[in-house]
Amino acid sequence: MAIDIPKTSYSGKIKPVTLGKGDKAITVGGETSYPFYLYEGEMPNLPRIAMEVWDSPPEDWAEAALEPFEGVTDDPVAWAKKCIDDYGAEMIALQMVSTDPNGMDRSPEEAAELIKKVSDYIDVPLIVWGVADHDKDTEVLRQAAELVQDKRLIMGPVEEADYKRIGAAALAYKHTVISSSPIDINLAKQLNILLGNLGVPDTSIIVDPTVSGIGYGIEYCYSVMERMRMAGLTQKDDKLQFPIICNISKEVWKTKEAKQPESEDPTLGDAGKRGILMEAISATALLLAGADVLIMRHPEAIKLVKEMIAELSAS
């Protein structure tokens, strides 16, 4: 006797958003069911991975994370090229850590020129991620938006305190904004409404719910992302029907467990494998919660996650 598997009825759909411009542009979103529930709906655009590049040499990275990029971490252009040529990166996420007023405090003009330099050199979509300092991010992203008009940058984080200024620049020069809120479904919805009222089209918004790595509150991030997907797909809440981006690499590799040498605590096991697995497992959890774009660091972790995506989408 045939068994009928109970299925959820979905009345909503995640909006497709195209990242970048030209032959290498990538479309994400478009799901009509929960993540990888392919027996209930469709995922026309599988999740994608952006490889992280810093705009200045990292000073506190784990040895395992530095090793794949040896010789290029002092040059963002060469670093991005290595990610694309050697590791097949589909997108680059340029982390603008040098603009932090509490760090190097690189000027907006210099930062924008660096963003343009990287953008001119690569042909894949470019994500530009600031430091969540409203004044500095506003100036950096506004100048970058004007300077790089032909590439359709993905710019963020755009938060409630700076959405008008950054959103207006993105709207004027046709870039995509990363709508970022602090792990709260209501705040995420509110910011999406504000961006819409400003005139930013739905096709130019991707949501950052703010995430953390495994062992550091990922279950709460998972819950918020899951509720966003439920609202968008089963309650037809069109302000929560956007693709989700997760900047997971920085959260994982800054933890003690990812950086602590094996010599300091042999019970933790091999330090390199530990960090790679922490990143891969964290990313996989976020995939199952609804992530459409993952920003990741280590090529081996990326390989593991790509294999998981292939496995889940084939079942």
Protein backbone atom coordinates (compact mmCIF):
# COMPACT_ATOMS: atom_id res chain seq x y z
CA MET A 1 0.00 0.00 0.00
CA ALA A 2 1.33 3.42 -0.97
CA ILE A 3 2.12 5.81 1.84
CA ASP A 4 1.13 9.44 1.44
CA ILE A 5 3.74 11.69 3.05
CA PRO A 6 2.14 14.71 4.76
CA LYS A 7 3.16 17.93 3.05
CA THR A 8 3.08 21.57 4.09
CA SER A 9 1.14 23.90 1.83
CA TYR A 10 3.13 27.05 1.01
CA SER A 11 1.33 30.20 -0.05
CA GLY A 12 4.41 32.41 -0.35
CA LYS A 13 7.68 32.50 -2.25
CA ILE A 14 11.14 33.91 -1.53
CA LYS A 15 11.89 36.74 -3.92
CA PRO A 16 14.72 36.13 -6.38
CA VAL A 17 17.53 38.69 -6.26
CA THR A 18 20.36 38.95 -8.78
CA LEU A 19 23.76 39.76 -7.29
CA GLY A 20 26.37 41.44 -9.44
CA LYS A 21 26.16 42.21 -13.11
CA GLY A 22 27.17 40.60 -16.40
CA ASP A 23 27.95 37.00 -17.30
CA LYS A 24 29.03 36.06 -13.76
CA ALA A 25 25.97 37.54 -12.02
CA ILE A 26 24.32 35.17 -9.55
CA THR A 27 20.62 34.86 -8.75
CA VAL A 28 19.63 33.69 -5.27
CA GLY A 29 16.25 33.13 -3.66
CA GLY A 30 13.13 31.94 -5.47
CA GLU A 31 12.38 29.11 -3.03
CA THR A 32 8.78 27.87 -2.73
CA SER A 33 9.39 25.60 0.29
CA TYR A 34 11.53 25.33 3.40
CA PRO A 35 15.27 24.80 2.77
CA PHE A 36 15.89 21.60 0.79
CA TYR A 37 12.29 20.36 1.22
CA LEU A 38 12.34 19.47 -2.45
CA TYR A 39 9.43 17.04 -2.07
CA GLU A 40 7.21 20.02 -1.17
CA GLY A 41 8.49 22.78 -3.42
CA GLU A 42 11.39 24.10 -5.45
CA MET A 43 14.80 25.68 -4.90
CA PRO A 44 15.51 27.05 -8.38
CA ASN A 45 18.67 28.76 -7.11
CA LEU A 46 20.79 26.75 -4.71
CA PRO A 47 22.69 28.57 -1.93
CA ARG A 48 25.97 30.19 -2.95
CA ILE A 49 29.25 30.85 -1.16
CA ALA A 50 31.31 34.05 -1.21
CA MET A 51 34.98 33.84 -0.25
CA GLU A 52 36.17 36.37 2.28
CA VAL A 53 38.97 38.85 1.52
CA TRP A 54 40.20 41.45 4.01
CA ASP A 55 41.23 44.92 2.92
CA SER A 56 44.28 44.82 5.23
CA PRO A 57 46.59 42.05 6.49
CA PRO A 58 44.91 40.00 9.27
CA GLU A 59 46.79 40.15 12.55
CA ASP A 60 45.04 37.55 14.67
CA TRP A 61 43.98 34.79 12.28
CA ALA A 62 44.57 31.16 13.15
CA GLU A 63 47.52 29.62 11.31
CA ALA A 64 45.20 27.17 9.57
CA ALA A 65 43.14 30.03 8.13
CA LEU A 66 46.19 31.96 6.90
CA GLU A 67 47.96 29.04 5.23
CA PRO A 68 45.75 28.82 2.06
CA PHE A 69 46.39 32.52 1.36
CA GLU A 70 50.09 32.70 2.11
CA GLY A 71 51.79 35.53 0.25
CA VAL A 72 48.66 37.48 -0.75
CA THR A 73 47.10 38.71 2.50
CA ASP A 74 48.81 42.10 2.16
CA ASP A 75 47.21 42.70 -1.26
CA PRO A 76 43.38 42.46 -1.52
CA VAL A 77 43.50 42.31 -5.32
CA ALA A 78 45.95 39.40 -5.35
CA TRP A 79 43.97 37.75 -2.56
CA ALA A 80 40.73 38.01 -4.52
CA LYS A 81 42.48 36.69 -7.63
CA LYS A 82 43.76 33.67 -5.71
CA CYS A 83 40.28 32.95 -4.36
CA ILE A 84 38.87 32.97 -7.89
CA ASP A 85 41.71 31.29 -9.79
CA ASP A 86 42.82 28.70 -7.22
CA TYR A 87 39.64 28.03 -5.25
CA GLY A 88 36.88 28.77 -7.77
CA ALA A 89 35.20 31.56 -5.79
CA GLU A 90 31.82 32.52 -7.24
CA MET A 91 31.69 35.76 -5.25
CA ILE A 92 34.12 37.85 -3.23
CA ALA A 93 33.23 39.44 0.11
CA LEU A 94 35.57 42.35 0.83
CA GLN A 95 35.66 42.93 4.59
CA MET A 96 36.52 46.61 5.13
CA VAL A 97 38.14 46.09 8.55
CA SER A 98 40.69 48.87 8.02
CA THR A 99 37.98 51.53 8.09
CA ASP A 100 37.18 50.88 11.76
CA PRO A 101 37.61 54.20 13.67
CA ASN A 102 38.97 52.17 16.59
CA GLY A 103 41.58 50.54 14.36
CA MET A 104 43.43 51.78 11.27
CA ASP A 105 40.67 54.31 10.56
CA ARG A 106 41.31 54.32 6.81
CA SER A 107 39.69 57.31 5.13
CA PRO A 108 36.48 56.86 3.10
CA GLU A 109 38.25 58.15 -0.01
CA GLU A 110 41.06 55.63 0.26
CA ALA A 111 38.64 52.83 1.11
CA ALA A 112 36.43 53.61 -1.90
CA GLU A 113 39.45 53.62 -4.20
CA LEU A 114 40.46 50.19 -2.86
CA ILE A 115 36.94 48.84 -3.43
CA LYS A 116 37.05 50.11 -7.01
CA LYS A 117 40.47 48.55 -7.53
CA VAL A 118 39.23 45.13 -6.43
CA SER A 119 36.01 45.54 -8.39
CA ASP A 120 37.85 46.44 -11.58
CA TYR A 121 40.05 43.36 -11.30
CA ILE A 122 37.40 40.69 -10.74
CA ASP A 123 34.45 39.58 -12.85
CA VAL A 124 32.39 37.93 -10.11
CA PRO A 125 29.91 39.72 -7.79
CA LEU A 126 31.55 41.82 -5.07
CA ILE A 127 30.11 42.09 -1.56
CA VAL A 128 31.44 45.07 0.42
CA TRP A 129 31.05 44.64 4.17
CA GLY A 130 31.67 47.55 6.54
CA VAL A 131 32.41 47.64 10.26
CA ALA A 132 28.93 48.56 11.57
CA ASP A 133 30.05 52.07 12.51
CA HIS A 134 27.20 54.13 11.11
CA ASP A 135 29.10 57.30 10.26
CA LYS A 136 32.10 55.55 8.74
CA ASP A 137 30.14 52.92 6.83
CA THR A 138 27.88 55.61 5.43
CA GLU A 139 30.76 57.60 3.97
CA VAL A 140 32.67 54.56 2.70
CA LEU A 141 29.66 52.92 1.06
CA ARG A 142 28.28 56.15 -0.40
CA GLN A 143 31.59 56.97 -2.04
CA ALA A 144 32.04 53.40 -3.24
CA ALA A 145 28.51 53.39 -4.69
CA GLU A 146 29.33 56.45 -6.80
CA LEU A 147 32.82 55.33 -7.77
CA VAL A 148 31.80 51.79 -8.81
CA GLN A 149 28.64 52.47 -10.77
CA ASP A 150 28.97 49.73 -13.35
CA LYS A 151 29.32 46.60 -11.17
CA ARG A 152 26.18 46.49 -8.96
CA LEU A 153 27.90 46.06 -5.60
CA ILE A 154 26.25 44.27 -2.68
CA MET A 155 26.73 46.76 0.18
CA GLY A 156 26.27 46.42 3.92
CA PRO A 157 25.59 46.20 6.68
CA VAL A 158 22.74 48.70 6.19
CA GLU A 159 21.07 49.30 9.55
CA GLU A 160 18.18 51.43 10.77
CA ALA A 161 20.53 54.22 11.86
CA ASP A 162 22.07 54.66 8.41
CA TYR A 163 19.58 53.16 5.92
CA LYS A 164 18.45 56.53 4.51
CA ARG A 165 21.92 57.67 3.46
CA ILE A 166 23.29 54.33 2.27
CA GLY A 167 19.97 53.26 0.78
CA ALA A 168 19.70 56.48 -1.21
CA ALA A 169 23.19 55.97 -2.66
CA ALA A 170 22.42 52.36 -3.55
CA LEU A 171 19.17 53.43 -5.17
CA ALA A 172 20.84 56.21 -7.16
CA TYR A 173 23.60 53.98 -8.53
CA LYS A 174 21.64 50.71 -8.73
CA HIS A 175 23.46 48.63 -6.13
CA THR A 176 22.09 45.93 -3.79
CA VAL A 177 21.79 46.58 -0.05
CA ILE A 178 22.31 44.16 2.83
CA SER A 179 19.47 44.87 5.26
CA SER A 180 21.02 44.10 8.65
CA SER A 181 19.24 43.77 12.00
CA PRO A 182 20.31 42.32 15.39
CA ILE A 183 18.81 38.80 15.51
CA ASP A 184 15.17 39.90 15.71
CA ILE A 185 12.45 39.08 13.21
CA ASN A 186 10.42 42.22 13.94
CA LEU A 187 13.42 44.52 13.53
CA ALA A 188 14.31 42.74 10.27
CA LYS A 189 10.81 43.29 8.93
CA GLN A 190 10.76 46.92 10.05
CA LEU A 191 14.03 47.71 8.28
CA ASN A 192 12.81 46.06 5.07
CA ILE A 193 9.69 48.23 5.24
CA LEU A 194 11.78 51.36 5.73
CA LEU A 195 14.01 50.50 2.77
CA GLY A 196 10.92 49.89 0.64
CA ASN A 197 9.44 53.23 1.70
CA LEU A 198 12.72 54.88 0.70
CA GLY A 199 12.28 53.46 -2.77
CA VAL A 200 14.77 50.59 -2.73
CA PRO A 201 13.20 47.87 -4.89
CA ASP A 202 12.69 44.35 -3.58
CA THR A 203 15.10 43.12 -6.24
CA SER A 204 17.88 45.09 -4.54
CA ILE A 205 17.51 43.82 -0.96
CA ILE A 206 19.12 40.83 0.72
CA VAL A 207 18.75 40.26 4.47
CA ASP A 208 21.45 39.81 7.11
CA PRO A 209 19.77 38.56 10.32
CA THR A 210 23.15 38.63 12.16
CA VAL A 211 24.58 35.19 12.91
CA SER A 212 27.04 33.40 15.17
CA GLY A 213 28.99 30.17 15.04
CA ILE A 214 28.29 26.82 16.60
CA GLY A 215 28.67 26.94 20.38
CA TYR A 216 28.11 30.71 20.45
CA GLY A 217 24.34 31.10 20.19
CA ILE A 218 23.76 29.65 16.75
CA GLU A 219 20.54 28.02 17.95
CA TYR A 220 19.01 31.48 18.51
CA CYS A 221 20.13 32.65 15.07
CA TYR A 222 18.66 29.46 13.61
CA SER A 223 15.34 30.10 15.33
CA VAL A 224 15.09 33.67 14.01
CA MET A 225 15.98 32.63 10.47
CA GLU A 226 13.49 29.75 10.65
CA ARG A 227 10.73 32.10 11.78
CA MET A 228 11.55 34.47 8.92
CA ARG A 229 11.18 31.63 6.44
CA MET A 230 7.92 30.47 8.05
CA ALA A 231 6.49 34.00 7.86
CA GLY A 232 7.55 34.45 4.26
CA LEU A 233 6.45 31.06 2.96
CA THR A 234 3.37 30.10 4.98
CA GLN A 235 2.03 33.50 6.08
CA LYS A 236 2.77 35.38 2.83
CA ASP A 237 4.59 38.17 4.69
CA ASP A 238 6.16 39.90 1.71
CA LYS A 239 8.53 41.90 3.93
CA LEU A 240 10.19 38.68 5.04
CA GLN A 241 10.42 37.01 1.63
CA PHE A 242 13.97 38.13 0.87
CA PRO A 243 17.08 35.95 0.41
CA ILE A 244 19.30 35.67 3.49
CA ILE A 245 23.05 36.31 3.66
CA CYS A 246 25.19 35.04 6.56
CA ASN A 247 28.62 36.51 7.32
CA ILE A 248 29.70 33.39 9.21
CA SER A 249 33.48 33.24 8.67
CA LYS A 250 34.43 36.07 11.02
CA GLU A 251 32.17 34.71 13.75
CA VAL A 252 33.68 31.22 13.67
CA TRP A 253 37.37 32.01 13.27
CA LYS A 254 37.47 34.64 16.02
CA THR A 255 36.56 32.06 18.68
CA LYS A 256 39.03 30.57 21.12
CA GLU A 257 38.27 27.05 19.92
CA ALA A 258 39.18 27.91 16.32
CA LYS A 259 42.43 29.69 17.21
CA GLN A 260 43.81 27.86 20.25
CA PRO A 261 46.91 25.75 19.37
CA GLU A 262 46.77 22.06 20.10
CA SER A 263 49.82 22.44 22.36
CA GLU A 264 47.77 24.54 24.79
CA ASP A 265 44.98 21.98 25.05
CA PRO A 266 45.67 18.58 23.42
CA THR A 267 42.12 17.42 24.20
CA LEU A 268 40.78 19.78 21.53
CA GLY A 269 42.59 17.87 18.78
CA ASP A 270 44.22 19.14 15.61
CA ALA A 271 43.81 22.94 15.44
CA GLY A 272 43.54 23.10 11.65
CA LYS A 273 40.86 20.46 11.35
CA ARG A 274 39.03 21.95 14.32
CA GLY A 275 38.62 25.38 12.74
CA ILE A 276 37.66 23.96 9.35
CA LEU A 277 35.00 21.71 10.87
CA MET A 278 33.64 24.50 13.06
CA GLU A 279 33.19 26.70 10.01
CA ALA A 280 31.67 23.92 7.90
CA ILE A 281 29.24 22.77 10.60
CA SER A 282 28.17 26.33 11.42
CA ALA A 283 27.57 27.05 7.74
CA THR A 284 25.59 23.83 7.30
CA ALA A 285 23.32 24.70 10.22
CA LEU A 286 22.62 28.09 8.67
CA LEU A 287 21.89 26.47 5.31
CA LEU A 288 19.20 24.37 6.95
CA ALA A 289 17.78 27.51 8.58
CA GLY A 290 17.42 29.25 5.21
CA ALA A 291 20.72 30.89 4.20
CA ASP A 292 20.98 31.76 0.50
CA VAL A 293 24.50 33.25 0.63
CA LEU A 294 27.30 32.22 2.99
CA ILE A 295 30.46 34.25 3.46
CA MET A 296 33.20 31.74 4.27
CA ARG A 297 36.97 31.67 4.72
CA HIS A 298 38.75 28.32 4.48
CA PRO A 299 38.75 26.50 1.11
CA GLU A 300 38.42 23.09 2.79
CA ALA A 301 35.38 24.21 4.79
CA ILE A 302 33.86 25.60 1.59
CA LYS A 303 34.47 22.29 -0.16
CA LEU A 304 32.68 20.40 2.60
CA VAL A 305 29.69 22.74 2.50
CA LYS A 306 29.43 22.56 -1.29
CA GLU A 307 29.36 18.78 -1.02
CA MET A 308 26.57 19.06 1.53
CA ILE A 309 24.57 21.37 -0.74
CA ALA A 310 24.95 18.91 -3.61
CA GLU A 311 23.92 16.02 -1.38
CA LEU A 312 20.86 17.79 0.02
CA SER A 313 19.70 19.05 -3.38
CA ALA A 314 20.02 15.59 -4.93
CA SER A 315 17.91 13.83 -2.31
